[in-house]
Amino acid sequence: MSSTTERFDRRARGEFARIGTTRVHRGELLRHPVYTRFLHWSVAIFFILSLLTGFAIYSPWLFQFLTPLFGGGARTRALHPWFGLIFTVFFLFQFVNWFAPMAWTAADRRWMKRMRGYVTNQKRLEEEDVGFFNGGQKLYFWAIAISAVLFLITGLLMWFDDTVPRWSVAVSYVIHDLAALLMLGGFIIHIYEGTAHQPGTFRSMINGTVTEKWAWTHHPAWFKAVTGRSAREAYDREKRRHEERQRAVRAWEAEYDSRENTRSETDSNRSRKDLS
């Protein structure tokens, strides 16, 4: 990445930081600044719009349900390439924004080897070498990057189909559809991972923060880089606190039960005396 694009990205972060605010409370860490969140949701919105208009054009069955949302078939056909173009532009800025943390490393290769354990939640804590993004997140990012390039090239060929050979347009249709299906599959997994599989991830794209527990659970290397503390030590400390709380609750319950039993016996003895 050139120094010019890096300077632009830093300047954009600074400008958006002045426009919006991110409040980091005690026990939280800044995950995504305002600029990153703006790009993420811009990409997501125009991807969904591209997806809906594309499905309306692609499928005769969906045509009757989706085209009225965009003002009819002709307008849907006219809007689709513009939605796709805007999606590509926003993703280009996101690509620049995330290029450094998305670089593939040896830690990501190790993560891919243990991906099955990650999917099945075999461990409560990720390995110590998992940084800001894990290998799966990076794989999804680069799949979108490749798909976006294919979208742009094939989309332009189909958009200006009267100026290029017919065979290139025919091939573009196939590649465009395959890239769309790849991105759709990744998009569904992305939603699941950001909500049900890792609770607390979605909020990082809303208010920009995550809890420290989320950080040391899912991204230990990033947690250590930000806080200077070991994720394993944080996990062990949290585990000890949880066990201490459980012991305190059990002790309180035992004491409460003892008082209740004593009170019941006292009331019973008093009732017998009254009867006698």
C-alpha atoms as a PDB file:
ATOM      1  CA  MET A   1       0.000   0.000   0.000  1.00  0.00           C
ATOM      2  CA  SER A   2       1.504   3.340  -1.048  1.00  0.00           C
ATOM      3  CA  SER A   3       2.150   6.143   1.402  1.00  0.00           C
ATOM      4  CA  THR A   4      -0.375   8.322  -0.458  1.00  0.00           C
ATOM      5  CA  THR A   5      -3.270   5.937   0.159  1.00  0.00           C
ATOM      6  CA  GLU A   6      -2.172   5.478   3.780  1.00  0.00           C
ATOM      7  CA  ARG A   7      -2.173   9.244   4.311  1.00  0.00           C
ATOM      8  CA  PHE A   8      -5.604   9.491   2.700  1.00  0.00           C
ATOM      9  CA  ASP A   9      -6.958   6.747   4.960  1.00  0.00           C
ATOM     10  CA  ARG A  10      -5.555   8.417   8.099  1.00  0.00           C
ATOM     11  CA  ARG A  11      -6.977  11.773   7.024  1.00  0.00           C
ATOM     12  CA  ALA A  12     -10.397  10.193   6.373  1.00  0.00           C
ATOM     13  CA  ARG A  13     -10.360   8.565   9.800  1.00  0.00           C
ATOM     14  CA  GLY A  14      -9.590  11.913  11.378  1.00  0.00           C
ATOM     15  CA  GLU A  15     -12.316  13.753   9.476  1.00  0.00           C
ATOM     16  CA  PHE A  16     -14.980  11.196  10.366  1.00  0.00           C
ATOM     17  CA  ALA A  17     -13.822  11.176  13.990  1.00  0.00           C
ATOM     18  CA  ARG A  18     -14.707  14.861  14.142  1.00  0.00           C
ATOM     19  CA  ILE A  19     -18.122  14.244  12.586  1.00  0.00           C
ATOM     20  CA  GLY A  20     -19.135  11.314  14.796  1.00  0.00           C
ATOM     21  CA  THR A  21     -18.186  10.114  18.254  1.00  0.00           C
ATOM     22  CA  THR A  22     -17.348   6.741  19.743  1.00  0.00           C
ATOM     23  CA  ARG A  23     -17.769   6.355  23.496  1.00  0.00           C
ATOM     24  CA  VAL A  24     -15.570   3.741  25.112  1.00  0.00           C
ATOM     25  CA  HIS A  25     -16.756   2.827  28.591  1.00  0.00           C
ATOM     26  CA  ARG A  26     -14.868   1.054  31.344  1.00  0.00           C
ATOM     27  CA  GLY A  27     -14.193  -2.559  30.433  1.00  0.00           C
ATOM     28  CA  GLU A  28     -14.508  -1.833  26.710  1.00  0.00           C
ATOM     29  CA  LEU A  29     -12.060  -1.423  23.824  1.00  0.00           C
ATOM     30  CA  LEU A  30     -12.340   0.576  20.613  1.00  0.00           C
ATOM     31  CA  ARG A  31     -12.803  -1.900  17.779  1.00  0.00           C
ATOM     32  CA  HIS A  32     -14.013   0.106  14.778  1.00  0.00           C
ATOM     33  CA  PRO A  33     -13.831   3.919  14.467  1.00  0.00           C
ATOM     34  CA  VAL A  34     -16.558   5.983  12.804  1.00  0.00           C
ATOM     35  CA  TYR A  35     -14.959   5.922   9.345  1.00  0.00           C
ATOM     36  CA  THR A  36     -14.704   2.130   9.320  1.00  0.00           C
ATOM     37  CA  ARG A  37     -18.316   1.739  10.422  1.00  0.00           C
ATOM     38  CA  PHE A  38     -19.477   4.178   7.745  1.00  0.00           C
ATOM     39  CA  LEU A  39     -17.682   2.213   5.037  1.00  0.00           C
ATOM     40  CA  HIS A  40     -18.914  -1.129   6.342  1.00  0.00           C
ATOM     41  CA  TRP A  41     -22.577  -0.124   6.315  1.00  0.00           C
ATOM     42  CA  SER A  42     -22.265   1.661   2.976  1.00  0.00           C
ATOM     43  CA  VAL A  43     -20.819  -1.486   1.437  1.00  0.00           C
ATOM     44  CA  ALA A  44     -23.522  -3.612   3.076  1.00  0.00           C
ATOM     45  CA  ILE A  45     -26.406  -1.380   1.958  1.00  0.00           C
ATOM     46  CA  PHE A  46     -25.334  -1.186  -1.677  1.00  0.00           C
ATOM     47  CA  PHE A  47     -24.487  -4.885  -1.757  1.00  0.00           C
ATOM     48  CA  ILE A  48     -28.033  -5.695  -0.612  1.00  0.00           C
ATOM     49  CA  LEU A  49     -29.499  -3.272  -3.164  1.00  0.00           C
ATOM     50  CA  SER A  50     -27.351  -4.829  -5.886  1.00  0.00           C
ATOM     51  CA  LEU A  51     -28.399  -8.285  -4.723  1.00  0.00           C
ATOM     52  CA  LEU A  52     -32.130  -7.508  -4.743  1.00  0.00           C
ATOM     53  CA  THR A  53     -32.109  -5.785  -8.130  1.00  0.00           C
ATOM     54  CA  GLY A  54     -29.886  -8.517  -9.528  1.00  0.00           C
ATOM     55  CA  PHE A  55     -32.217 -11.262  -8.329  1.00  0.00           C
ATOM     56  CA  ALA A  56     -35.175  -9.374  -9.788  1.00  0.00           C
ATOM     57  CA  ILE A  57     -33.481  -9.364 -13.197  1.00  0.00           C
ATOM     58  CA  TYR A  58     -32.086 -12.896 -12.909  1.00  0.00           C
ATOM     59  CA  SER A  59     -35.162 -14.781 -11.737  1.00  0.00           C
ATOM     60  CA  PRO A  60     -38.581 -14.531 -13.451  1.00  0.00           C
ATOM     61  CA  TRP A  61     -40.185 -15.822 -10.235  1.00  0.00           C
ATOM     62  CA  LEU A  62     -38.616 -13.076  -8.102  1.00  0.00           C
ATOM     63  CA  PHE A  63     -39.208 -10.429 -10.777  1.00  0.00           C
ATOM     64  CA  GLN A  64     -42.840  -9.884  -9.807  1.00  0.00           C
ATOM     65  CA  PHE A  65     -42.004  -9.493  -6.112  1.00  0.00           C
ATOM     66  CA  LEU A  66     -38.837  -7.392  -6.219  1.00  0.00           C
ATOM     67  CA  THR A  67     -39.198  -5.043  -9.178  1.00  0.00           C
ATOM     68  CA  PRO A  68     -42.113  -3.078  -7.639  1.00  0.00           C
ATOM     69  CA  LEU A  69     -39.757  -2.094  -4.803  1.00  0.00           C
ATOM     70  CA  PHE A  70     -37.616  -0.169  -7.290  1.00  0.00           C
ATOM     71  CA  GLY A  71     -40.332   1.266  -9.545  1.00  0.00           C
ATOM     72  CA  GLY A  72     -40.812  -1.520 -12.068  1.00  0.00           C
ATOM     73  CA  GLY A  73     -38.707  -3.763 -14.292  1.00  0.00           C
ATOM     74  CA  ALA A  74     -37.163  -1.079 -16.481  1.00  0.00           C
ATOM     75  CA  ARG A  75     -36.086   1.058 -13.537  1.00  0.00           C
ATOM     76  CA  THR A  76     -34.772  -1.985 -11.693  1.00  0.00           C
ATOM     77  CA  ARG A  77     -32.651  -2.847 -14.721  1.00  0.00           C
ATOM     78  CA  ALA A  78     -31.393   0.744 -14.873  1.00  0.00           C
ATOM     79  CA  LEU A  79     -30.582   0.955 -11.147  1.00  0.00           C
ATOM     80  CA  HIS A  80     -28.758  -2.379 -10.823  1.00  0.00           C
ATOM     81  CA  PRO A  81     -25.463  -1.381 -12.499  1.00  0.00           C
ATOM     82  CA  TRP A  82     -25.371   1.888 -10.559  1.00  0.00           C
ATOM     83  CA  PHE A  83     -25.897   0.083  -7.259  1.00  0.00           C
ATOM     84  CA  GLY A  84     -23.111  -2.302  -8.213  1.00  0.00           C
ATOM     85  CA  LEU A  85     -20.793   0.528  -9.187  1.00  0.00           C
ATOM     86  CA  ILE A  86     -21.386   2.400  -5.917  1.00  0.00           C
ATOM     87  CA  PHE A  87     -20.828  -0.842  -3.992  1.00  0.00           C
ATOM     88  CA  THR A  88     -17.489  -1.289  -5.737  1.00  0.00           C
ATOM     89  CA  VAL A  89     -16.426   2.284  -4.984  1.00  0.00           C
ATOM     90  CA  PHE A  90     -17.237   1.979  -1.280  1.00  0.00           C
ATOM     91  CA  PHE A  91     -15.512  -1.393  -1.086  1.00  0.00           C
ATOM     92  CA  LEU A  92     -12.415   0.147  -2.661  1.00  0.00           C
ATOM     93  CA  PHE A  93     -12.230   2.585   0.253  1.00  0.00           C
ATOM     94  CA  GLN A  94     -12.854  -0.253   2.685  1.00  0.00           C
ATOM     95  CA  PHE A  95     -10.111  -2.256   0.992  1.00  0.00           C
ATOM     96  CA  VAL A  96      -7.670   0.575   1.641  1.00  0.00           C
ATOM     97  CA  ASN A  97      -8.949   0.938   5.197  1.00  0.00           C
ATOM     98  CA  TRP A  98      -8.495  -2.754   6.048  1.00  0.00           C
ATOM     99  CA  PHE A  99      -5.578  -3.691   3.804  1.00  0.00           C
ATOM    100  CA  ALA A 100      -2.981  -3.829   6.605  1.00  0.00           C
ATOM    101  CA  PRO A 101      -4.941  -5.911   9.163  1.00  0.00           C
ATOM    102  CA  MET A 102      -6.177  -8.218   6.382  1.00  0.00           C
ATOM    103  CA  ALA A 103      -2.651  -9.249   5.325  1.00  0.00           C
ATOM    104  CA  TRP A 104      -2.311 -13.041   5.326  1.00  0.00           C
ATOM    105  CA  THR A 105       0.150 -14.430   7.891  1.00  0.00           C
ATOM    106  CA  ALA A 106       1.419 -17.749   9.216  1.00  0.00           C
ATOM    107  CA  ALA A 107      -1.046 -17.419  12.107  1.00  0.00           C
ATOM    108  CA  ASP A 108      -3.889 -17.440   9.586  1.00  0.00           C
ATOM    109  CA  ARG A 109      -2.608 -20.646   8.015  1.00  0.00           C
ATOM    110  CA  ARG A 110      -2.571 -22.249  11.459  1.00  0.00           C
ATOM    111  CA  TRP A 111      -6.096 -20.950  12.072  1.00  0.00           C
ATOM    112  CA  MET A 112      -7.338 -22.574   8.865  1.00  0.00           C
ATOM    113  CA  LYS A 113      -6.016 -25.942  10.064  1.00  0.00           C
ATOM    114  CA  ARG A 114      -8.089 -25.705  13.236  1.00  0.00           C
ATOM    115  CA  MET A 115     -11.134 -24.114  11.602  1.00  0.00           C
ATOM    116  CA  ARG A 116     -13.290 -27.162  12.361  1.00  0.00           C
ATOM    117  CA  GLY A 117     -12.741 -26.664  16.074  1.00  0.00           C
ATOM    118  CA  TYR A 118     -13.674 -22.997  15.685  1.00  0.00           C
ATOM    119  CA  VAL A 119     -16.917 -23.806  13.863  1.00  0.00           C
ATOM    120  CA  THR A 120     -17.936 -26.419  16.461  1.00  0.00           C
ATOM    121  CA  ASN A 121     -16.936 -24.223  19.451  1.00  0.00           C
ATOM    122  CA  GLN A 122     -14.562 -26.802  20.871  1.00  0.00           C
ATOM    123  CA  LYS A 123     -12.580 -24.165  22.779  1.00  0.00           C
ATOM    124  CA  ARG A 124     -13.746 -21.292  24.935  1.00  0.00           C
ATOM    125  CA  LEU A 125     -10.678 -19.225  24.057  1.00  0.00           C
ATOM    126  CA  GLU A 126      -9.025 -18.641  20.680  1.00  0.00           C
ATOM    127  CA  GLU A 127      -5.323 -19.349  20.270  1.00  0.00           C
ATOM    128  CA  GLU A 128      -2.878 -16.667  21.387  1.00  0.00           C
ATOM    129  CA  ASP A 129      -1.813 -15.817  17.813  1.00  0.00           C
ATOM    130  CA  VAL A 130      -5.258 -14.651  16.561  1.00  0.00           C
ATOM    131  CA  GLY A 131      -4.974 -10.928  15.855  1.00  0.00           C
ATOM    132  CA  PHE A 132      -7.420  -8.196  14.836  1.00  0.00           C
ATOM    133  CA  PHE A 133      -9.007 -10.535  12.258  1.00  0.00           C
ATOM    134  CA  ASN A 134      -8.871 -14.322  12.197  1.00  0.00           C
ATOM    135  CA  GLY A 135      -8.156 -16.433   9.134  1.00  0.00           C
ATOM    136  CA  GLY A 136     -11.822 -16.936   8.296  1.00  0.00           C
ATOM    137  CA  GLN A 137     -12.564 -13.218   8.344  1.00  0.00           C
ATOM    138  CA  LYS A 138      -9.578 -12.558   6.103  1.00  0.00           C
ATOM    139  CA  LEU A 139     -10.633 -15.308   3.712  1.00  0.00           C
ATOM    140  CA  TYR A 140     -14.072 -13.717   3.423  1.00  0.00           C
ATOM    141  CA  PHE A 141     -12.538 -10.287   2.850  1.00  0.00           C
ATOM    142  CA  TRP A 142     -10.310 -11.482   0.017  1.00  0.00           C
ATOM    143  CA  ALA A 143     -13.186 -13.475  -1.504  1.00  0.00           C
ATOM    144  CA  ILE A 144     -15.211 -10.254  -1.620  1.00  0.00           C
ATOM    145  CA  ALA A 145     -12.249  -8.361  -3.066  1.00  0.00           C
ATOM    146  CA  ILE A 146     -11.859 -10.863  -5.905  1.00  0.00           C
ATOM    147  CA  SER A 147     -15.626 -11.000  -6.445  1.00  0.00           C
ATOM    148  CA  ALA A 148     -15.830  -7.187  -6.539  1.00  0.00           C
ATOM    149  CA  VAL A 149     -13.215  -7.098  -9.304  1.00  0.00           C
ATOM    150  CA  LEU A 150     -15.126  -9.755 -11.242  1.00  0.00           C
ATOM    151  CA  PHE A 151     -18.365  -7.846 -10.649  1.00  0.00           C
ATOM    152  CA  LEU A 152     -16.862  -4.663 -11.999  1.00  0.00           C
ATOM    153  CA  ILE A 153     -15.302  -6.190 -15.118  1.00  0.00           C
ATOM    154  CA  THR A 154     -18.217  -8.437 -16.063  1.00  0.00           C
ATOM    155  CA  GLY A 155     -20.761  -5.773 -15.108  1.00  0.00           C
ATOM    156  CA  LEU A 156     -19.164  -3.228 -17.424  1.00  0.00           C
ATOM    157  CA  LEU A 157     -19.088  -5.762 -20.252  1.00  0.00           C
ATOM    158  CA  MET A 158     -22.790  -6.489 -19.784  1.00  0.00           C
ATOM    159  CA  TRP A 159     -23.640  -2.814 -19.326  1.00  0.00           C
ATOM    160  CA  PHE A 160     -22.010  -1.838 -22.609  1.00  0.00           C
ATOM    161  CA  ASP A 161     -22.804  -5.070 -24.422  1.00  0.00           C
ATOM    162  CA  ASP A 162     -23.172  -3.358 -27.775  1.00  0.00           C
ATOM    163  CA  THR A 163     -19.504  -2.353 -27.858  1.00  0.00           C
ATOM    164  CA  VAL A 164     -17.844  -5.709 -27.027  1.00  0.00           C
ATOM    165  CA  PRO A 165     -17.896  -9.189 -28.638  1.00  0.00           C
ATOM    166  CA  ARG A 166     -20.951 -11.275 -27.852  1.00  0.00           C
ATOM    167  CA  TRP A 167     -18.911 -14.173 -26.495  1.00  0.00           C
ATOM    168  CA  SER A 168     -17.409 -11.913 -23.820  1.00  0.00           C
ATOM    169  CA  VAL A 169     -20.905 -10.856 -22.739  1.00  0.00           C
ATOM    170  CA  ALA A 170     -22.031 -14.497 -22.553  1.00  0.00           C
ATOM    171  CA  VAL A 171     -19.014 -15.438 -20.430  1.00  0.00           C
ATOM    172  CA  SER A 172     -19.593 -12.373 -18.260  1.00  0.00           C
ATOM    173  CA  TYR A 173     -23.112 -13.523 -17.397  1.00  0.00           C
ATOM    174  CA  VAL A 174     -21.779 -16.819 -16.046  1.00  0.00           C
ATOM    175  CA  ILE A 175     -18.895 -15.276 -14.069  1.00  0.00           C
ATOM    176  CA  HIS A 176     -21.138 -12.512 -12.726  1.00  0.00           C
ATOM    177  CA  ASP A 177     -23.680 -15.036 -11.442  1.00  0.00           C
ATOM    178  CA  LEU A 178     -21.032 -17.284  -9.867  1.00  0.00           C
ATOM    179  CA  ALA A 179     -19.407 -14.319  -8.115  1.00  0.00           C
ATOM    180  CA  ALA A 180     -22.843 -13.247  -6.831  1.00  0.00           C
ATOM    181  CA  LEU A 181     -23.543 -16.715  -5.414  1.00  0.00           C
ATOM    182  CA  LEU A 182     -20.102 -16.778  -3.760  1.00  0.00           C
ATOM    183  CA  MET A 183     -20.709 -13.409  -2.134  1.00  0.00           C
ATOM    184  CA  LEU A 184     -24.234 -14.365  -1.091  1.00  0.00           C
ATOM    185  CA  GLY A 185     -22.973 -17.496   0.650  1.00  0.00           C
ATOM    186  CA  GLY A 186     -20.251 -15.523   2.403  1.00  0.00           C
ATOM    187  CA  PHE A 187     -22.740 -12.822   3.332  1.00  0.00           C
ATOM    188  CA  ILE A 188     -25.021 -15.334   5.057  1.00  0.00           C
ATOM    189  CA  ILE A 189     -22.088 -16.800   6.995  1.00  0.00           C
ATOM    190  CA  HIS A 190     -20.921 -13.284   7.846  1.00  0.00           C
ATOM    191  CA  ILE A 191     -24.312 -12.412   9.378  1.00  0.00           C
ATOM    192  CA  TYR A 192     -24.343 -15.639  11.407  1.00  0.00           C
ATOM    193  CA  GLU A 193     -20.794 -15.142  12.659  1.00  0.00           C
ATOM    194  CA  GLY A 194     -21.481 -11.536  13.620  1.00  0.00           C
ATOM    195  CA  THR A 195     -24.631 -12.324  15.593  1.00  0.00           C
ATOM    196  CA  ALA A 196     -25.396 -15.838  16.842  1.00  0.00           C
ATOM    197  CA  HIS A 197     -21.913 -17.355  16.741  1.00  0.00           C
ATOM    198  CA  GLN A 198     -20.085 -14.439  18.379  1.00  0.00           C
ATOM    199  CA  PRO A 199     -22.496 -12.338  20.469  1.00  0.00           C
ATOM    200  CA  GLY A 200     -21.100  -8.845  20.884  1.00  0.00           C
ATOM    201  CA  THR A 201     -19.627  -8.638  17.388  1.00  0.00           C
ATOM    202  CA  PHE A 202     -22.592  -6.844  15.848  1.00  0.00           C
ATOM    203  CA  ARG A 203     -22.422  -4.028  18.415  1.00  0.00           C
ATOM    204  CA  SER A 204     -18.851  -3.285  17.341  1.00  0.00           C
ATOM    205  CA  MET A 205     -20.255  -2.112  14.000  1.00  0.00           C
ATOM    206  CA  ILE A 206     -22.954  -0.084  15.735  1.00  0.00           C
ATOM    207  CA  ASN A 207     -21.147   1.809  18.501  1.00  0.00           C
ATOM    208  CA  GLY A 208     -17.582   0.814  17.627  1.00  0.00           C
ATOM    209  CA  THR A 209     -16.685  -0.953  20.864  1.00  0.00           C
ATOM    210  CA  VAL A 210     -16.387  -4.463  22.268  1.00  0.00           C
ATOM    211  CA  THR A 211     -16.010  -5.722  25.797  1.00  0.00           C
ATOM    212  CA  GLU A 212     -12.579  -6.784  26.987  1.00  0.00           C
ATOM    213  CA  LYS A 213     -13.984 -10.273  27.521  1.00  0.00           C
ATOM    214  CA  TRP A 214     -15.020 -10.418  23.859  1.00  0.00           C
ATOM    215  CA  ALA A 215     -11.558  -9.257  22.815  1.00  0.00           C
ATOM    216  CA  TRP A 216      -9.568 -11.782  24.845  1.00  0.00           C
ATOM    217  CA  THR A 217     -11.984 -14.570  23.907  1.00  0.00           C
ATOM    218  CA  HIS A 218     -11.959 -14.113  20.119  1.00  0.00           C
ATOM    219  CA  HIS A 219      -8.824 -12.072  19.313  1.00  0.00           C
ATOM    220  CA  PRO A 220      -6.183 -12.675  22.012  1.00  0.00           C
ATOM    221  CA  ALA A 221      -3.218 -11.233  20.077  1.00  0.00           C
ATOM    222  CA  TRP A 222      -5.118  -8.004  19.373  1.00  0.00           C
ATOM    223  CA  PHE A 223      -6.196  -7.816  23.025  1.00  0.00           C
ATOM    224  CA  LYS A 224      -2.577  -8.121  24.149  1.00  0.00           C
ATOM    225  CA  ALA A 225      -1.395  -5.543  21.603  1.00  0.00           C
ATOM    226  CA  VAL A 226      -3.978  -3.021  22.841  1.00  0.00           C
ATOM    227  CA  THR A 227      -3.882  -3.650  26.592  1.00  0.00           C
ATOM    228  CA  GLY A 228      -0.468  -5.235  27.149  1.00  0.00           C
ATOM    229  CA  ARG A 229      -2.144  -8.065  29.071  1.00  0.00           C
ATOM    230  CA  SER A 230      -2.268 -11.775  28.332  1.00  0.00           C
ATOM    231  CA  ALA A 231      -5.601 -13.139  27.150  1.00  0.00           C
ATOM    232  CA  ARG A 232      -5.017 -16.399  29.023  1.00  0.00           C
ATOM    233  CA  GLU A 233      -4.360 -14.539  32.277  1.00  0.00           C
ATOM    234  CA  ALA A 234      -7.510 -12.451  31.733  1.00  0.00           C
ATOM    235  CA  TYR A 235      -9.497 -15.622  31.094  1.00  0.00           C
ATOM    236  CA  ASP A 236      -8.111 -17.336  34.214  1.00  0.00           C
ATOM    237  CA  ARG A 237      -8.849 -14.251  36.320  1.00  0.00           C
ATOM    238  CA  GLU A 238     -12.418 -14.114  34.999  1.00  0.00           C
ATOM    239  CA  LYS A 239     -12.810 -17.822  35.703  1.00  0.00           C
ATOM    240  CA  ARG A 240     -11.615 -17.383  39.307  1.00  0.00           C
ATOM    241  CA  ARG A 241     -14.004 -14.456  39.814  1.00  0.00           C
ATOM    242  CA  HIS A 242     -16.873 -16.523  38.460  1.00  0.00           C
ATOM    243  CA  GLU A 243     -16.028 -19.398  40.802  1.00  0.00           C
ATOM    244  CA  GLU A 244     -15.770 -16.999  43.755  1.00  0.00           C
ATOM    245  CA  ARG A 245     -19.178 -15.544  42.915  1.00  0.00           C
ATOM    246  CA  GLN A 246     -20.647 -19.030  42.677  1.00  0.00           C
ATOM    247  CA  ARG A 247     -19.195 -19.949  46.068  1.00  0.00           C
ATOM    248  CA  ALA A 248     -20.540 -16.731  47.576  1.00  0.00           C
ATOM    249  CA  VAL A 249     -24.003 -17.432  46.157  1.00  0.00           C
ATOM    250  CA  ARG A 250     -23.976 -20.990  47.469  1.00  0.00           C
ATOM    251  CA  ALA A 251     -22.850 -19.798  50.902  1.00  0.00           C
ATOM    252  CA  TRP A 252     -25.612 -17.187  50.985  1.00  0.00           C
ATOM    253  CA  GLU A 253     -28.198 -19.746  49.915  1.00  0.00           C
ATOM    254  CA  ALA A 254     -27.013 -22.177  52.605  1.00  0.00           C
ATOM    255  CA  GLU A 255     -27.174 -19.447  55.250  1.00  0.00           C
ATOM    256  CA  TYR A 256     -30.616 -18.375  54.065  1.00  0.00           C
ATOM    257  CA  ASP A 257     -31.905 -21.965  54.125  1.00  0.00           C
ATOM    258  CA  SER A 258     -30.480 -22.418  57.628  1.00  0.00           C
ATOM    259  CA  ARG A 259     -32.257 -19.283  58.893  1.00  0.00           C
ATOM    260  CA  GLU A 260     -35.504 -20.377  57.254  1.00  0.00           C
ATOM    261  CA  ASN A 261     -35.266 -23.838  58.837  1.00  0.00           C
ATOM    262  CA  THR A 262     -34.549 -22.318  62.241  1.00  0.00           C
ATOM    263  CA  ARG A 263     -37.484 -19.948  61.873  1.00  0.00           C
ATOM    264  CA  SER A 264     -39.774 -22.809  60.816  1.00  0.00           C
ATOM    265  CA  GLU A 265     -38.741 -24.909  63.812  1.00  0.00           C
ATOM    266  CA  THR A 266     -39.292 -21.946  66.150  1.00  0.00           C
ATOM    267  CA  ASP A 267     -42.755 -21.294  64.701  1.00  0.00           C
ATOM    268  CA  SER A 268     -43.612 -24.991  64.957  1.00  0.00           C
ATOM    269  CA  ASN A 269     -42.554 -25.189  68.617  1.00  0.00           C
ATOM    270  CA  ARG A 270     -44.513 -22.040  69.407  1.00  0.00           C
ATOM    271  CA  SER A 271     -47.610 -23.473  67.725  1.00  0.00           C
ATOM    272  CA  ARG A 272     -47.367 -26.678  69.796  1.00  0.00           C
ATOM    273  CA  LYS A 273     -47.070 -24.671  73.008  1.00  0.00           C
ATOM    274  CA  ASP A 274     -50.137 -22.663  72.109  1.00  0.00           C
ATOM    275  CA  LEU A 275     -52.138 -25.820  71.475  1.00  0.00           C
ATOM    276  CA  SER A 276     -51.107 -27.328  74.742  1.00  0.00           C
END
